[in-house]
Amino acid sequence: MSYLKEVKFNWNSIPDTRNNEYPYNIPSLRGLDNIKLESNVTFFVGENGSGKSTLLEAIARKCDFNIIGGKDSLIENPVNEDTLSSILMLSWFPKIKNGFFFRSETLFDFANYIDELANDPMIGRGQAYKSYGGKSLHEQSHGESFISLFTNRFGKEGMYILDEPEAALSPQNQLAFLRIIWQLEKESKAQFIIATHSPILLGYPDAMILTFDQNPIKKIDYESTYHYQVTKDFLNNRGKFFKYLFE
């Protein structure tokens, strides 16, 4: 079951002088009334700069998640007066508070924060690292730290908002991550919203895929995604691609 049912946009709340300013002028979002989330797993896809990460962060802010990473961490959220979250309204049934926001590019800062907790005598290493495989994320490879975080920190019903989780994952670990999603969705009734470029992750069964390469965004089938088509064509016709690229 999904908890977050709909994301609504209140464009009337934007001052007329700011209608053409970022992030309110993103073509894929501008004028969009709502997004109905019809699956426990929703993927945002699109080219860089299409708005998918901007919307993902706005939803995370609206959920009161820390955009550096996590949920209840004491890392101060960066001040951003131009956040899209100011015009969002979220419709829940039921409303839940559990969850986690993951952003691959800020994992280093999040790992530093966990190390600071481990060095706090009131908390200690055992408690601080309990949800992260028992040791510092910095003591694990990039891919290992991702899988450790997903395996140990995501463990109960909640909303999990992930920005490009495949960044440090090998194809094999991306498959392992699909298994983690499936276990959490089926056993813990978790809901996921994931921005990704990975054709492997996008293949998750019965997921809803929204493409930001359309104005406004719309649902798209897996086989119709640019990610699937380019990857399939490349694997089947490497020589043709290389001839085009290198000659």
Foldseek 3Di string as FASTA:
>chain_A
DAWWFKKAFQPVVDPPVCCCPPPNNQQQPNPDGMDGFDDLEEEEEEDPPLCPVLVLVLVCVLLCAAQLKFRPQPPDHDDDPRRRVVGIDIDTDVDDNDEMEEELVNVVVVLVSLVVQCPPPVQHQQRSCQQQQSDGLVVDPSQSRLVSNLVRVLDAADEYEYEASCPPPDPVVLVVVLVSVVCCCVPHVHGYYYYHLDLSNLPRPPYWYWYSVDRHIDTDDSCPDPSNVVVVCCVVCVVVVCVVVPD
